[in-house]
Amino acid sequence: MDFFILYYAEKLTIRIFMKRVCVYLGAHSGNNKLFEQATIKLAQELVSMGLTLVYGGSKLGMMGLLSTTVKELGGKAIGITTTHLLNQEKTSEILDELHVVDSMQERKRMLQHLADGFIVMPGGLGTLEEAIETWNSIKIGESNKKIGFLNVANYFDKLFHFINHCVEHEFMNTHQSTIPIIHSEPFLLLRDLIGRDERN
């Protein structure tokens, strides 16, 4: 009996601590309907788990779909953009908070600071830059937060093939290469992201 009380108490502590999830994803929609479906599913799971979305602030592409769906379902969304991107990416008007900073470096720092965990969805160079920088900060010990990749339609397979290539040539070790959680289903990814938060 005591074991189960302790188990659920630990899970409750983790859930209380994991309040905000940063999602890195594209300001374009991509060419696969599975990307759109996964974005909607992720929004549904975030709201059902009571997690606040932290993201890049755009109302375009997958970024816009995710934030709009979160808000339509009654969830909370925080956006962070730069003065340069303010008009270029067309920020959402329905966010609970919108922070405008001077540079991409400030934007990334604020995204990392506000979030308790990170999810990477399909996107381009900006998405990859944010993901790799966050992954590296965990690798070198600057952060003890968790990062996961939502591998929709095997989008990240080639990226992880390259990571394995780095391991084979001894530029990374196996532990560093396995830092991210990888799932193709939003619920499973969030479940493991929350379950692997060990900071309490």
N, C-alpha and C. Protein backbone atom coordinates (compact mmCIF):
# COMPACT_ATOMS: atom_id res chain seq x y z
N MET A 1 0.83 -1.20 0.00
CA MET A 1 0.00 0.00 0.00
C MET A 1 0.87 1.26 0.00
N ASP A 2 1.90 1.27 0.90
CA ASP A 2 2.80 2.42 0.98
C ASP A 2 3.50 2.66 -0.35
N PHE A 3 3.84 1.56 -1.04
CA PHE A 3 4.52 1.69 -2.33
C PHE A 3 3.66 2.47 -3.32
N PHE A 4 2.36 2.13 -3.39
CA PHE A 4 1.48 2.79 -4.35
C PHE A 4 1.25 4.25 -3.98
N ILE A 5 1.16 4.54 -2.67
CA ILE A 5 1.02 5.93 -2.23
C ILE A 5 2.24 6.73 -2.66
N LEU A 6 3.44 6.17 -2.43
CA LEU A 6 4.67 6.84 -2.81
C LEU A 6 4.76 7.02 -4.31
N TYR A 7 4.38 5.98 -5.06
CA TYR A 7 4.44 6.04 -6.52
C TYR A 7 3.57 7.17 -7.06
N TYR A 8 2.33 7.23 -6.62
CA TYR A 8 1.42 8.26 -7.13
C TYR A 8 1.79 9.64 -6.62
N ALA A 9 2.36 9.71 -5.42
CA ALA A 9 2.83 11.01 -4.90
C ALA A 9 3.95 11.54 -5.76
N GLU A 10 4.87 10.66 -6.18
CA GLU A 10 5.97 11.07 -7.06
C GLU A 10 5.43 11.53 -8.40
N LYS A 11 4.47 10.80 -8.96
CA LYS A 11 3.89 11.18 -10.24
C LYS A 11 3.18 12.53 -10.15
N LEU A 12 2.51 12.77 -9.03
CA LEU A 12 1.82 14.04 -8.83
C LEU A 12 2.82 15.17 -8.77
N THR A 13 3.94 14.95 -8.07
CA THR A 13 4.98 15.97 -7.99
C THR A 13 5.53 16.29 -9.36
N ILE A 14 5.76 15.26 -10.18
CA ILE A 14 6.26 15.46 -11.53
C ILE A 14 5.28 16.27 -12.35
N ARG A 15 3.99 15.92 -12.25
CA ARG A 15 2.98 16.63 -13.05
C ARG A 15 2.86 18.09 -12.62
N ILE A 16 2.96 18.34 -11.31
CA ILE A 16 2.90 19.71 -10.84
C ILE A 16 4.08 20.51 -11.37
N PHE A 17 5.26 19.88 -11.38
CA PHE A 17 6.45 20.59 -11.83
C PHE A 17 6.42 20.81 -13.34
N MET A 18 5.99 19.82 -14.09
CA MET A 18 5.96 19.94 -15.55
C MET A 18 4.71 20.71 -15.95
N LYS A 19 4.85 22.02 -15.99
CA LYS A 19 3.70 22.88 -16.29
C LYS A 19 3.72 23.43 -17.70
N ARG A 20 4.91 23.66 -18.24
CA ARG A 20 5.02 24.29 -19.55
C ARG A 20 5.90 23.45 -20.47
N VAL A 21 5.41 23.21 -21.67
CA VAL A 21 6.17 22.44 -22.66
C VAL A 21 6.43 23.33 -23.87
N CYS A 22 7.69 23.47 -24.23
CA CYS A 22 8.07 24.22 -25.43
C CYS A 22 8.04 23.28 -26.63
N VAL A 23 7.38 23.71 -27.68
CA VAL A 23 7.33 22.91 -28.91
C VAL A 23 8.05 23.68 -30.01
N TYR A 24 9.08 23.06 -30.57
CA TYR A 24 9.78 23.60 -31.73
C TYR A 24 9.15 22.99 -32.98
N LEU A 25 8.68 23.82 -33.89
CA LEU A 25 8.05 23.30 -35.12
C LEU A 25 8.00 24.39 -36.18
N GLY A 26 7.63 23.99 -37.39
CA GLY A 26 7.73 24.88 -38.54
C GLY A 26 6.62 25.91 -38.65
N ALA A 27 6.96 27.04 -39.27
CA ALA A 27 5.97 28.06 -39.63
C ALA A 27 5.41 27.78 -41.02
N HIS A 28 5.70 26.59 -41.56
CA HIS A 28 5.10 26.08 -42.78
C HIS A 28 4.34 24.81 -42.43
N SER A 29 3.46 24.37 -43.31
CA SER A 29 2.63 23.20 -43.02
C SER A 29 3.21 21.89 -43.52
N GLY A 30 4.22 21.96 -44.40
CA GLY A 30 4.75 20.74 -44.97
C GLY A 30 3.82 20.14 -46.01
N ASN A 31 4.21 19.01 -46.56
CA ASN A 31 3.44 18.41 -47.66
C ASN A 31 2.83 17.06 -47.31
N ASN A 32 2.68 16.81 -46.01
CA ASN A 32 2.13 15.53 -45.56
C ASN A 32 1.01 15.81 -44.55
N LYS A 33 -0.17 15.31 -44.83
CA LYS A 33 -1.32 15.53 -43.95
C LYS A 33 -1.09 14.98 -42.54
N LEU A 34 -0.18 14.01 -42.42
CA LEU A 34 0.11 13.45 -41.11
C LEU A 34 0.71 14.50 -40.17
N PHE A 35 1.42 15.48 -40.74
CA PHE A 35 1.98 16.55 -39.91
C PHE A 35 0.85 17.34 -39.25
N GLU A 36 -0.15 17.67 -40.04
CA GLU A 36 -1.30 18.42 -39.52
C GLU A 36 -2.05 17.61 -38.46
N GLN A 37 -2.27 16.33 -38.75
CA GLN A 37 -2.99 15.48 -37.81
C GLN A 37 -2.24 15.36 -36.48
N ALA A 38 -0.93 15.20 -36.56
CA ALA A 38 -0.12 15.07 -35.34
C ALA A 38 -0.11 16.37 -34.55
N THR A 39 -0.12 17.49 -35.25
CA THR A 39 -0.14 18.79 -34.58
C THR A 39 -1.42 18.96 -33.78
N ILE A 40 -2.54 18.59 -34.37
CA ILE A 40 -3.83 18.67 -33.68
C ILE A 40 -3.87 17.72 -32.49
N LYS A 41 -3.36 16.51 -32.68
CA LYS A 41 -3.33 15.53 -31.58
C LYS A 41 -2.46 16.03 -30.43
N LEU A 42 -1.32 16.63 -30.76
CA LEU A 42 -0.45 17.15 -29.72
C LEU A 42 -1.15 18.25 -28.93
N ALA A 43 -1.84 19.14 -29.63
CA ALA A 43 -2.59 20.20 -28.96
C ALA A 43 -3.62 19.61 -28.00
N GLN A 44 -4.32 18.58 -28.46
CA GLN A 44 -5.33 17.93 -27.62
C GLN A 44 -4.71 17.33 -26.36
N GLU A 45 -3.56 16.69 -26.51
CA GLU A 45 -2.90 16.07 -25.36
C GLU A 45 -2.37 17.12 -24.39
N LEU A 46 -1.80 18.19 -24.92
CA LEU A 46 -1.30 19.26 -24.04
C LEU A 46 -2.42 19.81 -23.17
N VAL A 47 -3.56 20.07 -23.80
CA VAL A 47 -4.69 20.64 -23.05
C VAL A 47 -5.25 19.63 -22.06
N SER A 48 -5.37 18.37 -22.48
CA SER A 48 -5.95 17.35 -21.59
C SER A 48 -5.06 17.11 -20.37
N MET A 49 -3.75 17.32 -20.51
CA MET A 49 -2.82 17.15 -19.40
C MET A 49 -2.60 18.44 -18.61
N GLY A 50 -3.27 19.50 -19.01
CA GLY A 50 -3.13 20.76 -18.30
C GLY A 50 -1.79 21.44 -18.49
N LEU A 51 -1.15 21.19 -19.63
CA LEU A 51 0.18 21.76 -19.90
C LEU A 51 0.07 23.00 -20.77
N THR A 52 0.82 24.02 -20.42
CA THR A 52 0.86 25.27 -21.18
C THR A 52 1.82 25.13 -22.35
N LEU A 53 1.40 25.58 -23.52
CA LEU A 53 2.25 25.58 -24.71
C LEU A 53 3.15 26.82 -24.70
N VAL A 54 4.44 26.59 -24.92
CA VAL A 54 5.40 27.67 -25.16
C VAL A 54 5.96 27.44 -26.56
N TYR A 55 5.94 28.45 -27.41
CA TYR A 55 6.41 28.24 -28.79
C TYR A 55 6.82 29.58 -29.40
N GLY A 56 7.13 29.58 -30.69
CA GLY A 56 7.71 30.74 -31.35
C GLY A 56 6.78 31.88 -31.70
N GLY A 57 5.48 31.76 -31.42
CA GLY A 57 4.57 32.88 -31.54
C GLY A 57 3.88 33.10 -32.87
N SER A 58 4.28 32.37 -33.92
CA SER A 58 3.70 32.60 -35.25
C SER A 58 2.29 32.01 -35.36
N LYS A 59 1.49 32.61 -36.24
CA LYS A 59 0.17 32.04 -36.54
C LYS A 59 0.17 31.32 -37.88
N LEU A 60 1.36 31.12 -38.46
CA LEU A 60 1.47 30.47 -39.76
C LEU A 60 1.82 28.99 -39.61
N GLY A 61 1.44 28.21 -40.61
CA GLY A 61 1.85 26.81 -40.70
C GLY A 61 1.48 25.98 -39.49
N MET A 62 2.36 25.04 -39.15
CA MET A 62 2.11 24.15 -38.02
C MET A 62 2.12 24.92 -36.70
N MET A 63 2.94 25.97 -36.63
CA MET A 63 2.97 26.79 -35.41
C MET A 63 1.59 27.39 -35.14
N GLY A 64 1.00 27.94 -36.19
CA GLY A 64 -0.32 28.53 -36.04
C GLY A 64 -1.39 27.51 -35.72
N LEU A 65 -1.33 26.36 -36.38
CA LEU A 65 -2.31 25.30 -36.13
C LEU A 65 -2.24 24.82 -34.69
N LEU A 66 -1.03 24.64 -34.19
CA LEU A 66 -0.87 24.15 -32.82
C LEU A 66 -1.42 25.15 -31.81
N SER A 67 -1.02 26.40 -31.93
CA SER A 67 -1.46 27.41 -30.95
C SER A 67 -2.96 27.66 -31.04
N THR A 68 -3.49 27.73 -32.26
CA THR A 68 -4.92 27.96 -32.43
C THR A 68 -5.74 26.82 -31.84
N THR A 69 -5.31 25.58 -32.08
CA THR A 69 -6.03 24.42 -31.55
C THR A 69 -5.98 24.40 -30.03
N VAL A 70 -4.81 24.69 -29.47
CA VAL A 70 -4.68 24.75 -28.00
C VAL A 70 -5.67 25.76 -27.42
N LYS A 71 -5.73 26.95 -28.02
CA LYS A 71 -6.63 27.99 -27.51
C LYS A 71 -8.09 27.62 -27.71
N GLU A 72 -8.43 27.03 -28.85
CA GLU A 72 -9.82 26.63 -29.11
C GLU A 72 -10.30 25.58 -28.11
N LEU A 73 -9.37 24.77 -27.62
CA LEU A 73 -9.71 23.72 -26.66
C LEU A 73 -9.67 24.22 -25.21
N GLY A 74 -9.38 25.50 -25.04
CA GLY A 74 -9.37 26.07 -23.69
C GLY A 74 -8.03 26.04 -23.00
N GLY A 75 -6.96 25.75 -23.74
CA GLY A 75 -5.63 25.70 -23.16
C GLY A 75 -4.95 27.06 -23.15
N LYS A 76 -3.73 27.06 -22.65
CA LYS A 76 -2.95 28.29 -22.54
C LYS A 76 -1.74 28.22 -23.47
N ALA A 77 -1.44 29.34 -24.13
CA ALA A 77 -0.32 29.39 -25.08
C ALA A 77 0.48 30.67 -24.88
N ILE A 78 1.80 30.51 -24.85
CA ILE A 78 2.73 31.63 -24.71
C ILE A 78 3.63 31.66 -25.93
N GLY A 79 3.71 32.80 -26.60
CA GLY A 79 4.54 32.94 -27.79
C GLY A 79 5.72 33.86 -27.54
N ILE A 80 6.83 33.56 -28.20
CA ILE A 80 8.03 34.40 -28.11
C ILE A 80 8.57 34.61 -29.51
N THR A 81 8.68 35.85 -29.93
CA THR A 81 9.18 36.17 -31.26
C THR A 81 10.20 37.31 -31.17
N THR A 82 10.71 37.73 -32.30
CA THR A 82 11.68 38.82 -32.34
C THR A 82 11.08 40.01 -33.09
N THR A 83 11.69 41.17 -32.91
CA THR A 83 11.23 42.36 -33.64
C THR A 83 11.35 42.14 -35.14
N HIS A 84 12.38 41.41 -35.57
CA HIS A 84 12.59 41.14 -36.99
C HIS A 84 11.49 40.24 -37.56
N LEU A 85 11.07 39.24 -36.77
CA LEU A 85 10.08 38.27 -37.25
C LEU A 85 8.64 38.71 -37.01
N LEU A 86 8.45 39.81 -36.30
CA LEU A 86 7.12 40.22 -35.88
C LEU A 86 6.13 40.29 -37.03
N ASN A 87 6.54 40.89 -38.14
CA ASN A 87 5.67 40.99 -39.31
C ASN A 87 5.88 39.84 -40.29
N GLN A 88 7.11 39.36 -40.37
CA GLN A 88 7.45 38.30 -41.32
C GLN A 88 6.68 37.02 -41.04
N GLU A 89 6.56 36.63 -39.77
CA GLU A 89 5.89 35.38 -39.41
C GLU A 89 4.46 35.58 -38.95
N LYS A 90 4.00 36.81 -38.85
CA LYS A 90 2.62 37.12 -38.47
C LYS A 90 2.23 36.42 -37.16
N THR A 91 2.46 37.09 -36.07
CA THR A 91 2.20 36.49 -34.77
C THR A 91 0.70 36.35 -34.50
N SER A 92 0.40 35.37 -33.67
CA SER A 92 -1.00 35.09 -33.31
C SER A 92 -1.54 36.15 -32.36
N GLU A 93 -2.81 36.51 -32.56
CA GLU A 93 -3.45 37.51 -31.71
C GLU A 93 -4.21 36.88 -30.54
N ILE A 94 -4.26 35.57 -30.46
CA ILE A 94 -5.10 34.92 -29.46
C ILE A 94 -4.30 34.32 -28.30
N LEU A 95 -3.02 34.63 -28.23
CA LEU A 95 -2.17 34.04 -27.20
C LEU A 95 -2.43 34.67 -25.84
N ASP A 96 -2.14 33.91 -24.80
CA ASP A 96 -2.24 34.44 -23.44
C ASP A 96 -1.11 35.42 -23.16
N GLU A 97 0.05 35.14 -23.72
CA GLU A 97 1.20 36.03 -23.58
C GLU A 97 1.98 36.03 -24.89
N LEU A 98 2.46 37.20 -25.30
CA LEU A 98 3.36 37.30 -26.45
C LEU A 98 4.54 38.17 -26.03
N HIS A 99 5.72 37.58 -26.09
CA HIS A 99 6.95 38.30 -25.73
C HIS A 99 7.72 38.61 -27.01
N VAL A 100 8.12 39.86 -27.17
CA VAL A 100 8.90 40.28 -28.33
C VAL A 100 10.29 40.68 -27.85
N VAL A 101 11.30 39.97 -28.34
CA VAL A 101 12.68 40.22 -27.93
C VAL A 101 13.49 40.72 -29.12
N ASP A 102 14.72 41.13 -28.86
CA ASP A 102 15.51 41.80 -29.90
C ASP A 102 16.24 40.85 -30.85
N SER A 103 16.52 39.63 -30.42
CA SER A 103 17.35 38.75 -31.25
C SER A 103 16.90 37.30 -31.14
N MET A 104 17.37 36.48 -32.10
CA MET A 104 17.07 35.06 -32.06
C MET A 104 17.70 34.39 -30.85
N GLN A 105 18.88 34.86 -30.45
CA GLN A 105 19.53 34.30 -29.27
C GLN A 105 18.68 34.52 -28.02
N GLU A 106 18.13 35.73 -27.89
CA GLU A 106 17.25 36.02 -26.75
C GLU A 106 15.99 35.16 -26.81
N ARG A 107 15.48 34.99 -28.01
CA ARG A 107 14.27 34.17 -28.18
C ARG A 107 14.52 32.75 -27.72
N LYS A 108 15.62 32.17 -28.15
CA LYS A 108 15.93 30.79 -27.77
C LYS A 108 16.15 30.67 -26.26
N ARG A 109 16.85 31.67 -25.69
CA ARG A 109 17.07 31.64 -24.24
C ARG A 109 15.75 31.69 -23.47
N MET A 110 14.83 32.53 -23.95
CA MET A 110 13.55 32.67 -23.25
C MET A 110 12.69 31.42 -23.41
N LEU A 111 12.70 30.83 -24.60
CA LEU A 111 11.98 29.57 -24.81
C LEU A 111 12.49 28.50 -23.84
N GLN A 112 13.82 28.41 -23.73
CA GLN A 112 14.41 27.40 -22.85
C GLN A 112 14.14 27.70 -21.39
N HIS A 113 14.12 28.98 -21.04
CA HIS A 113 13.91 29.36 -19.64
C HIS A 113 12.47 29.10 -19.20
N LEU A 114 11.51 29.41 -20.05
CA LEU A 114 10.10 29.30 -19.66
C LEU A 114 9.60 27.86 -19.61
N ALA A 115 10.21 26.98 -20.38
CA ALA A 115 9.70 25.62 -20.52
C ALA A 115 10.30 24.67 -19.49
N ASP A 116 9.50 23.67 -19.13
CA ASP A 116 9.97 22.59 -18.26
C ASP A 116 10.40 21.36 -19.05
N GLY A 117 10.06 21.33 -20.33
CA GLY A 117 10.44 20.24 -21.22
C GLY A 117 10.23 20.68 -22.66
N PHE A 118 10.75 19.89 -23.61
CA PHE A 118 10.77 20.31 -25.01
C PHE A 118 10.32 19.18 -25.93
N ILE A 119 9.55 19.58 -26.95
CA ILE A 119 9.14 18.65 -28.00
C ILE A 119 9.53 19.24 -29.34
N VAL A 120 10.10 18.42 -30.20
CA VAL A 120 10.50 18.84 -31.54
C VAL A 120 9.58 18.17 -32.55
N MET A 121 8.95 18.98 -33.39
CA MET A 121 8.10 18.48 -34.47
C MET A 121 8.75 18.82 -35.81
N PRO A 122 8.24 18.28 -36.91
CA PRO A 122 8.82 18.60 -38.22
C PRO A 122 8.91 20.11 -38.46
N GLY A 123 10.01 20.51 -39.05
CA GLY A 123 10.26 21.91 -39.36
C GLY A 123 11.54 22.02 -40.16
N GLY A 124 12.00 23.24 -40.36
CA GLY A 124 13.19 23.49 -41.17
C GLY A 124 14.41 23.84 -40.34
N LEU A 125 15.25 24.73 -40.88
CA LEU A 125 16.51 25.06 -40.23
C LEU A 125 16.32 25.67 -38.84
N GLY A 126 15.33 26.57 -38.72
CA GLY A 126 15.10 27.20 -37.42
C GLY A 126 14.72 26.19 -36.36
N THR A 127 13.86 25.26 -36.74
CA THR A 127 13.44 24.21 -35.82
C THR A 127 14.62 23.34 -35.41
N LEU A 128 15.44 22.96 -36.39
CA LEU A 128 16.60 22.12 -36.10
C LEU A 128 17.61 22.85 -35.24
N GLU A 129 17.81 24.14 -35.52
CA GLU A 129 18.75 24.93 -34.71
C GLU A 129 18.32 24.94 -33.24
N GLU A 130 17.05 25.21 -33.01
CA GLU A 130 16.53 25.25 -31.64
C GLU A 130 16.67 23.88 -30.98
N ALA A 131 16.33 22.83 -31.72
CA ALA A 131 16.38 21.48 -31.16
C ALA A 131 17.81 21.07 -30.81
N ILE A 132 18.74 21.29 -31.73
CA ILE A 132 20.12 20.88 -31.51
C ILE A 132 20.75 21.67 -30.37
N GLU A 133 20.45 22.98 -30.30
CA GLU A 133 21.01 23.79 -29.21
C GLU A 133 20.49 23.31 -27.86
N THR A 134 19.20 22.99 -27.79
CA THR A 134 18.64 22.48 -26.54
C THR A 134 19.23 21.13 -26.19
N TRP A 135 19.33 20.25 -27.17
CA TRP A 135 19.93 18.92 -26.97
C TRP A 135 21.35 19.07 -26.46
N ASN A 136 22.12 19.97 -27.06
CA ASN A 136 23.51 20.15 -26.67
C ASN A 136 23.62 20.71 -25.25
N SER A 137 22.72 21.60 -24.87
CA SER A 137 22.77 22.16 -23.52
C SER A 137 22.51 21.07 -22.48
N ILE A 138 21.67 20.10 -22.83
CA ILE A 138 21.45 18.95 -21.95
C ILE A 138 22.69 18.07 -21.92
N LYS A 139 23.28 17.87 -23.09
CA LYS A 139 24.46 17.00 -23.22
C LYS A 139 25.62 17.49 -22.37
N ILE A 140 25.86 18.81 -22.37
CA ILE A 140 27.01 19.35 -21.64
C ILE A 140 26.69 19.70 -20.19
N GLY A 141 25.44 19.46 -19.78
CA GLY A 141 25.08 19.65 -18.39
C GLY A 141 24.58 21.03 -18.01
N GLU A 142 24.35 21.90 -18.99
CA GLU A 142 23.80 23.22 -18.69
C GLU A 142 22.33 23.14 -18.31
N SER A 143 21.65 22.11 -18.78
CA SER A 143 20.23 21.93 -18.51
C SER A 143 19.97 20.49 -18.10
N ASN A 144 19.04 20.31 -17.16
CA ASN A 144 18.63 18.95 -16.81
C ASN A 144 17.18 18.68 -17.20
N LYS A 145 16.69 19.48 -18.16
CA LYS A 145 15.35 19.28 -18.68
C LYS A 145 15.36 18.18 -19.74
N LYS A 146 14.19 17.78 -20.20
CA LYS A 146 14.07 16.67 -21.15
C LYS A 146 13.61 17.16 -22.52
N ILE A 147 14.06 16.48 -23.54
CA ILE A 147 13.67 16.81 -24.91
C ILE A 147 13.19 15.55 -25.63
N GLY A 148 12.16 15.70 -26.44
CA GLY A 148 11.64 14.58 -27.21
C GLY A 148 11.34 14.99 -28.64
N PHE A 149 11.47 14.04 -29.55
CA PHE A 149 11.16 14.28 -30.96
C PHE A 149 9.88 13.54 -31.33
N LEU A 150 8.92 14.27 -31.89
CA LEU A 150 7.70 13.64 -32.41
C LEU A 150 7.98 13.27 -33.86
N ASN A 151 8.33 12.00 -34.06
CA ASN A 151 8.83 11.54 -35.35
C ASN A 151 7.68 11.16 -36.29
N VAL A 152 6.93 12.17 -36.68
CA VAL A 152 5.76 11.98 -37.54
C VAL A 152 6.20 11.55 -38.94
N ALA A 153 5.61 10.48 -39.45
CA ALA A 153 5.92 9.98 -40.79
C ALA A 153 7.42 9.76 -40.99
N ASN A 154 8.10 9.36 -39.91
CA ASN A 154 9.55 9.08 -39.95
C ASN A 154 10.37 10.30 -40.38
N TYR A 155 9.86 11.49 -40.09
CA TYR A 155 10.50 12.72 -40.56
C TYR A 155 11.94 12.85 -40.08
N PHE A 156 12.22 12.40 -38.85
CA PHE A 156 13.55 12.60 -38.28
C PHE A 156 14.48 11.39 -38.44
N ASP A 157 14.06 10.39 -39.18
CA ASP A 157 14.88 9.18 -39.33
C ASP A 157 16.28 9.49 -39.83
N LYS A 158 16.38 10.35 -40.84
CA LYS A 158 17.69 10.65 -41.41
C LYS A 158 18.56 11.47 -40.46
N LEU A 159 17.92 12.31 -39.64
CA LEU A 159 18.67 13.04 -38.63
C LEU A 159 19.31 12.08 -37.65
N PHE A 160 18.54 11.11 -37.18
CA PHE A 160 19.09 10.17 -36.21
C PHE A 160 20.05 9.17 -36.86
N HIS A 161 19.90 8.96 -38.15
CA HIS A 161 20.91 8.18 -38.87
C HIS A 161 22.25 8.93 -38.85
N PHE A 162 22.20 10.24 -39.04
CA PHE A 162 23.42 11.05 -38.97
C PHE A 162 24.00 11.04 -37.55
N ILE A 163 23.14 11.12 -36.54
CA ILE A 163 23.62 11.07 -35.15
C ILE A 163 24.34 9.75 -34.89
N ASN A 164 23.79 8.65 -35.38
CA ASN A 164 24.46 7.35 -35.24
C ASN A 164 25.78 7.34 -35.98
N HIS A 165 25.83 8.04 -37.11
CA HIS A 165 27.08 8.19 -37.87
C HIS A 165 28.12 8.90 -37.01
N CYS A 166 27.71 9.92 -36.26
CA CYS A 166 28.62 10.63 -35.36
C CYS A 166 29.15 9.70 -34.28
N VAL A 167 28.27 8.83 -33.76
CA VAL A 167 28.68 7.88 -32.73
C VAL A 167 29.68 6.89 -33.30
N GLU A 168 29.40 6.38 -34.49
CA GLU A 168 30.29 5.41 -35.13
C GLU A 168 31.69 5.98 -35.31
N HIS A 169 31.78 7.27 -35.58
CA HIS A 169 33.08 7.91 -35.80
C HIS A 169 33.62 8.57 -34.53
N GLU A 170 32.98 8.26 -33.39
CA GLU A 170 33.45 8.67 -32.06
C GLU A 170 33.52 10.18 -31.86
N PHE A 171 32.55 10.89 -32.46
CA PHE A 171 32.38 12.31 -32.16
C PHE A 171 31.28 12.52 -31.13
N MET A 172 30.51 11.48 -30.87
CA MET A 172 29.51 11.44 -29.81
C MET A 172 29.56 10.06 -29.18
N ASN A 173 29.08 9.97 -27.93
CA ASN A 173 28.95 8.64 -27.35
C ASN A 173 27.48 8.22 -27.34
N THR A 174 27.25 6.98 -27.01
CA THR A 174 25.89 6.43 -27.09
C THR A 174 24.94 7.15 -26.15
N HIS A 175 25.42 7.49 -24.96
CA HIS A 175 24.56 8.20 -24.01
C HIS A 175 24.10 9.53 -24.57
N GLN A 176 25.01 10.27 -25.16
CA GLN A 176 24.66 11.58 -25.74
C GLN A 176 23.66 11.43 -26.88
N SER A 177 23.81 10.37 -27.65
CA SER A 177 22.93 10.17 -28.80
C SER A 177 21.52 9.74 -28.40
N THR A 178 21.39 9.20 -27.19
CA THR A 178 20.08 8.70 -26.76
C THR A 178 19.40 9.63 -25.75
N ILE A 179 19.88 10.86 -25.63
CA ILE A 179 19.24 11.83 -24.74
C ILE A 179 17.78 12.08 -25.12
N PRO A 180 17.48 12.30 -26.40
CA PRO A 180 16.08 12.58 -26.75
C PRO A 180 15.18 11.34 -26.63
N ILE A 181 13.94 11.59 -26.25
CA ILE A 181 12.89 10.59 -26.32
C ILE A 181 12.31 10.66 -27.73
N ILE A 182 12.02 9.53 -28.33
CA ILE A 182 11.51 9.53 -29.71
C ILE A 182 10.22 8.71 -29.76
N HIS A 183 9.16 9.33 -30.26
CA HIS A 183 7.89 8.64 -30.47
C HIS A 183 7.20 9.23 -31.68
N SER A 184 6.31 8.46 -32.27
CA SER A 184 5.50 8.98 -33.38
C SER A 184 4.11 9.39 -32.92
N GLU A 185 3.76 9.07 -31.67
CA GLU A 185 2.44 9.41 -31.13
C GLU A 185 2.58 10.46 -30.03
N PRO A 186 1.82 11.56 -30.11
CA PRO A 186 1.91 12.63 -29.11
C PRO A 186 1.70 12.17 -27.67
N PHE A 187 0.69 11.32 -27.44
CA PHE A 187 0.42 10.88 -26.07
C PHE A 187 1.61 10.13 -25.48
N LEU A 188 2.18 9.22 -26.26
CA LEU A 188 3.32 8.43 -25.77
C LEU A 188 4.53 9.32 -25.50
N LEU A 189 4.74 10.29 -26.37
CA LEU A 189 5.88 11.19 -26.18
C LEU A 189 5.70 12.02 -24.91
N LEU A 190 4.53 12.60 -24.72
CA LEU A 190 4.28 13.39 -23.51
C LEU A 190 4.34 12.53 -22.26
N ARG A 191 3.82 11.32 -22.34
CA ARG A 191 3.86 10.41 -21.19
C ARG A 191 5.30 10.17 -20.75
N ASP A 192 6.18 9.89 -21.72
CA ASP A 192 7.57 9.62 -21.38
C ASP A 192 8.33 10.89 -21.01
N LEU A 193 7.96 12.00 -21.62
CA LEU A 193 8.60 13.28 -21.28
C LEU A 193 8.32 13.62 -19.82
N ILE A 194 7.09 13.45 -19.40
CA ILE A 194 6.72 13.72 -18.01
C ILE A 194 7.33 12.67 -17.09
N GLY A 195 7.26 11.41 -17.51
CA GLY A 195 7.77 10.33 -16.67
C GLY A 195 9.26 10.36 -16.47
N ARG A 196 10.00 10.99 -17.42
CA ARG A 196 11.45 11.04 -17.30
C ARG A 196 11.95 12.32 -16.67
N ASP A 197 11.04 13.16 -16.14
CA ASP A 197 11.48 14.34 -15.43
C ASP A 197 11.88 13.91 -14.02
N GLU A 198 13.17 13.96 -13.72
CA GLU A 198 13.70 13.38 -12.48
C GLU A 198 14.24 14.44 -11.53
N ARG A 199 13.74 15.68 -11.64
CA ARG A 199 14.35 16.75 -10.87
C ARG A 199 13.70 16.99 -9.51
N ASN A 200 12.86 16.09 -9.01
CA ASN A 200 12.25 16.35 -7.71
C ASN A 200 12.87 15.43 -6.66
